[in-house]
Each structure stands twice: as C-alpha cells, then as structure tokens.
Amino acid sequence: MAAIIEGGVELIFCNKAEALEWGQCKTLNEAIDSMRQFSERFVITLGDEGAVTGDGFQLHWIEAQPVVAVNTNGAGDM
C-alpha cells in the first residue's frame, strides 16, 4: 500500500472491512494505527455501530442514529 500513496494523503475514508484490509489487520485498533502512518485524518464507518474518526490529535467515536428504512433501492449512499 505504501508505494501507492507515498508521502501520505489528506484524508482516508473507508468502512471497517476496508480498514482491516488496508493494514492486513485483525482488529480495528490495529487498522487505525496503520492508517495513521499515511494520514492524520481518517473516517471509518462502522455500520450500525456508528463511525470513528481521527483528526490528527484524538479519536472521535460517533454513535449510529437509529433509522427506519423507507426505500432501500439504490447504491446505498443516500
């Protein structure tokens, strides 16, 4: 992965599965440590568990908000 983004990037945005794959990690904490090597800022979405974001100084854990799906048609990004 390092060769692809030599020098780092401004922001990494991914889901939990992608974060674990990123650093070939088994735990979310390992993935976070791996991401910090390439970017001070990142967001990892965790589905119904919310999200975690790093701002270069600290981690922020964001709780998911319960919702009722009205229409599940589409790419899932709405």
N, C-alpha and C. Protein backbone atom coordinates (compact mmCIF):
# COMPACT_ATOMS: atom_id res chain seq x y z
N MET A 1 0.82 -1.20 0.00
CA MET A 1 0.00 0.00 0.00
C MET A 1 0.86 1.26 0.00
N ALA A 2 1.99 1.23 0.68
CA ALA A 2 2.82 2.42 0.83
C ALA A 2 3.25 2.99 -0.52
N ALA A 3 3.56 2.13 -1.49
CA ALA A 3 4.01 2.62 -2.79
C ALA A 3 2.92 3.40 -3.50
N ILE A 4 1.67 3.07 -3.26
CA ILE A 4 0.56 3.74 -3.93
C ILE A 4 0.40 5.16 -3.42
N ILE A 5 0.60 5.39 -2.14
CA ILE A 5 0.35 6.71 -1.56
C ILE A 5 1.59 7.27 -0.87
N GLU A 6 2.72 7.11 -1.49
CA GLU A 6 3.97 7.63 -0.94
C GLU A 6 3.82 9.11 -0.62
N GLY A 7 4.20 9.48 0.58
CA GLY A 7 4.08 10.87 1.00
C GLY A 7 2.82 11.15 1.79
N GLY A 8 1.90 10.20 1.84
CA GLY A 8 0.67 10.38 2.62
C GLY A 8 -0.45 11.01 1.84
N VAL A 9 -1.60 11.06 2.46
CA VAL A 9 -2.79 11.66 1.87
C VAL A 9 -3.47 12.52 2.92
N GLU A 10 -4.36 13.40 2.48
CA GLU A 10 -5.03 14.31 3.40
C GLU A 10 -6.09 13.61 4.23
N LEU A 11 -6.86 12.69 3.62
CA LEU A 11 -7.97 12.04 4.32
C LEU A 11 -8.17 10.64 3.76
N ILE A 12 -8.37 9.68 4.66
CA ILE A 12 -8.74 8.32 4.27
C ILE A 12 -10.17 8.10 4.74
N PHE A 13 -11.05 7.64 3.85
CA PHE A 13 -12.44 7.37 4.19
C PHE A 13 -12.75 5.95 3.74
N CYS A 14 -13.18 5.11 4.68
CA CYS A 14 -13.48 3.72 4.33
C CYS A 14 -14.41 3.10 5.36
N ASN A 15 -14.87 1.89 5.07
CA ASN A 15 -15.66 1.15 6.04
C ASN A 15 -14.73 0.22 6.84
N LYS A 16 -15.27 -0.47 7.82
CA LYS A 16 -14.46 -1.31 8.72
C LYS A 16 -13.72 -2.40 7.95
N ALA A 17 -14.42 -3.10 7.05
CA ALA A 17 -13.79 -4.17 6.29
C ALA A 17 -12.62 -3.64 5.46
N GLU A 18 -12.80 -2.49 4.84
CA GLU A 18 -11.72 -1.89 4.06
C GLU A 18 -10.56 -1.46 4.95
N ALA A 19 -10.87 -0.95 6.14
CA ALA A 19 -9.81 -0.53 7.07
C ALA A 19 -8.97 -1.73 7.51
N LEU A 20 -9.62 -2.84 7.80
CA LEU A 20 -8.89 -4.04 8.20
C LEU A 20 -8.03 -4.56 7.06
N GLU A 21 -8.56 -4.51 5.85
CA GLU A 21 -7.80 -4.94 4.67
C GLU A 21 -6.62 -4.00 4.41
N TRP A 22 -6.83 -2.72 4.63
CA TRP A 22 -5.79 -1.70 4.41
C TRP A 22 -4.46 -2.11 5.03
N GLY A 23 -4.50 -2.43 6.30
CA GLY A 23 -3.27 -2.76 7.01
C GLY A 23 -3.07 -4.24 7.24
N GLN A 24 -3.89 -5.08 6.57
CA GLN A 24 -3.82 -6.52 6.81
C GLN A 24 -3.93 -6.80 8.31
N CYS A 25 -4.96 -6.20 8.94
CA CYS A 25 -5.12 -6.23 10.39
C CYS A 25 -6.27 -7.15 10.81
N LYS A 26 -6.23 -7.54 12.07
CA LYS A 26 -7.30 -8.36 12.64
C LYS A 26 -8.23 -7.53 13.52
N THR A 27 -7.74 -6.39 14.03
CA THR A 27 -8.56 -5.56 14.91
C THR A 27 -8.67 -4.14 14.37
N LEU A 28 -9.72 -3.46 14.77
CA LEU A 28 -9.93 -2.09 14.35
C LEU A 28 -8.81 -1.18 14.88
N ASN A 29 -8.36 -1.40 16.10
CA ASN A 29 -7.28 -0.57 16.65
C ASN A 29 -6.00 -0.71 15.84
N GLU A 30 -5.70 -1.92 15.39
CA GLU A 30 -4.52 -2.11 14.53
C GLU A 30 -4.70 -1.36 13.21
N ALA A 31 -5.90 -1.40 12.66
CA ALA A 31 -6.18 -0.70 11.41
C ALA A 31 -6.02 0.81 11.58
N ILE A 32 -6.50 1.33 12.69
CA ILE A 32 -6.36 2.76 12.97
C ILE A 32 -4.88 3.13 13.04
N ASP A 33 -4.09 2.34 13.74
CA ASP A 33 -2.65 2.61 13.84
C ASP A 33 -2.00 2.59 12.46
N SER A 34 -2.42 1.66 11.62
CA SER A 34 -1.88 1.57 10.27
C SER A 34 -2.24 2.80 9.44
N MET A 35 -3.48 3.25 9.53
CA MET A 35 -3.92 4.42 8.78
C MET A 35 -3.16 5.68 9.20
N ARG A 36 -2.88 5.78 10.48
CA ARG A 36 -2.17 6.96 10.99
C ARG A 36 -0.77 7.11 10.40
N GLN A 37 -0.24 6.05 9.83
CA GLN A 37 1.06 6.12 9.18
C GLN A 37 0.99 6.86 7.85
N PHE A 38 -0.22 6.97 7.28
CA PHE A 38 -0.38 7.58 5.97
C PHE A 38 -1.17 8.88 5.98
N SER A 39 -1.98 9.08 7.03
CA SER A 39 -2.81 10.28 7.08
C SER A 39 -3.16 10.61 8.53
N GLU A 40 -3.10 11.88 8.86
CA GLU A 40 -3.53 12.30 10.20
C GLU A 40 -5.04 12.23 10.33
N ARG A 41 -5.75 12.37 9.22
CA ARG A 41 -7.21 12.43 9.24
C ARG A 41 -7.80 11.22 8.53
N PHE A 42 -8.78 10.61 9.18
CA PHE A 42 -9.45 9.46 8.57
C PHE A 42 -10.84 9.31 9.17
N VAL A 43 -11.70 8.61 8.43
CA VAL A 43 -13.04 8.25 8.89
C VAL A 43 -13.24 6.78 8.54
N ILE A 44 -13.69 6.01 9.53
CA ILE A 44 -14.04 4.62 9.30
C ILE A 44 -15.50 4.44 9.70
N THR A 45 -16.34 4.08 8.74
CA THR A 45 -17.74 3.83 9.05
C THR A 45 -17.87 2.42 9.61
N LEU A 46 -18.77 2.27 10.58
CA LEU A 46 -18.92 1.00 11.29
C LEU A 46 -20.34 0.47 11.24
N GLY A 47 -21.08 0.83 10.21
CA GLY A 47 -22.46 0.35 10.07
C GLY A 47 -23.32 0.78 11.24
N ASP A 48 -24.04 -0.16 11.83
CA ASP A 48 -24.94 0.19 12.93
C ASP A 48 -24.20 0.50 14.23
N GLU A 49 -22.87 0.43 14.20
CA GLU A 49 -22.07 0.82 15.36
C GLU A 49 -21.60 2.27 15.26
N GLY A 50 -21.92 2.97 14.16
CA GLY A 50 -21.56 4.37 14.01
C GLY A 50 -20.31 4.56 13.17
N ALA A 51 -19.35 5.31 13.70
CA ALA A 51 -18.13 5.61 12.96
C ALA A 51 -17.05 6.04 13.95
N VAL A 52 -15.82 5.99 13.48
CA VAL A 52 -14.70 6.54 14.25
C VAL A 52 -13.91 7.43 13.30
N THR A 53 -13.48 8.57 13.81
CA THR A 53 -12.70 9.49 13.01
C THR A 53 -11.50 9.95 13.80
N GLY A 54 -10.42 10.17 13.10
CA GLY A 54 -9.21 10.71 13.71
C GLY A 54 -8.92 12.06 13.08
N ASP A 55 -8.56 13.04 13.91
CA ASP A 55 -8.32 14.39 13.40
C ASP A 55 -6.85 14.80 13.50
N GLY A 56 -5.98 13.85 13.76
CA GLY A 56 -4.57 14.16 13.92
C GLY A 56 -4.17 14.34 15.37
N PHE A 57 -5.15 14.49 16.24
CA PHE A 57 -4.87 14.69 17.66
C PHE A 57 -5.52 13.60 18.52
N GLN A 58 -6.79 13.32 18.22
CA GLN A 58 -7.51 12.33 19.02
C GLN A 58 -8.53 11.59 18.16
N LEU A 59 -9.04 10.51 18.72
CA LEU A 59 -10.10 9.75 18.07
C LEU A 59 -11.45 10.26 18.54
N HIS A 60 -12.42 10.23 17.65
CA HIS A 60 -13.80 10.61 17.98
C HIS A 60 -14.70 9.45 17.58
N TRP A 61 -15.38 8.87 18.55
CA TRP A 61 -16.30 7.76 18.30
C TRP A 61 -17.70 8.34 18.19
N ILE A 62 -18.36 8.08 17.07
CA ILE A 62 -19.68 8.63 16.78
C ILE A 62 -20.71 7.51 16.79
N GLU A 63 -21.73 7.66 17.60
CA GLU A 63 -22.78 6.64 17.68
C GLU A 63 -23.68 6.70 16.45
N ALA A 64 -24.17 5.55 16.05
CA ALA A 64 -25.13 5.49 14.95
C ALA A 64 -26.48 5.99 15.45
N GLN A 65 -27.25 6.56 14.54
CA GLN A 65 -28.60 7.00 14.84
C GLN A 65 -29.58 6.00 14.27
N PRO A 66 -30.51 5.50 15.08
CA PRO A 66 -31.48 4.54 14.54
C PRO A 66 -32.38 5.20 13.49
N VAL A 67 -32.61 4.49 12.42
CA VAL A 67 -33.48 4.99 11.35
C VAL A 67 -34.41 3.88 10.88
N VAL A 68 -35.48 4.27 10.25
CA VAL A 68 -36.39 3.31 9.62
C VAL A 68 -36.22 3.47 8.11
N ALA A 69 -35.83 2.40 7.45
CA ALA A 69 -35.62 2.45 6.00
C ALA A 69 -36.95 2.64 5.30
N VAL A 70 -37.02 3.64 4.44
CA VAL A 70 -38.23 3.91 3.68
C VAL A 70 -38.12 3.29 2.29
N ASN A 71 -36.93 3.40 1.69
CA ASN A 71 -36.71 2.88 0.36
C ASN A 71 -35.26 2.41 0.30
N THR A 72 -35.05 1.15 0.06
CA THR A 72 -33.69 0.62 0.03
C THR A 72 -33.16 0.48 -1.40
N ASN A 73 -33.85 1.03 -2.37
CA ASN A 73 -33.42 0.98 -3.75
C ASN A 73 -32.27 1.97 -3.95
N GLY A 74 -31.27 1.60 -4.69
CA GLY A 74 -30.16 2.50 -4.99
C GLY A 74 -28.83 1.91 -4.55
N ALA A 75 -27.84 2.77 -4.54
CA ALA A 75 -26.47 2.32 -4.28
C ALA A 75 -26.15 2.25 -2.78
N GLY A 76 -27.06 2.66 -1.94
CA GLY A 76 -26.81 2.59 -0.51
C GLY A 76 -26.12 3.81 0.05
N ASP A 77 -25.93 4.83 -0.74
CA ASP A 77 -25.21 6.01 -0.26
C ASP A 77 -26.14 7.18 0.06
N MET A 78 -27.41 6.95 0.08
CA MET A 78 -28.33 8.04 0.38
C MET A 78 -28.82 7.90 1.79
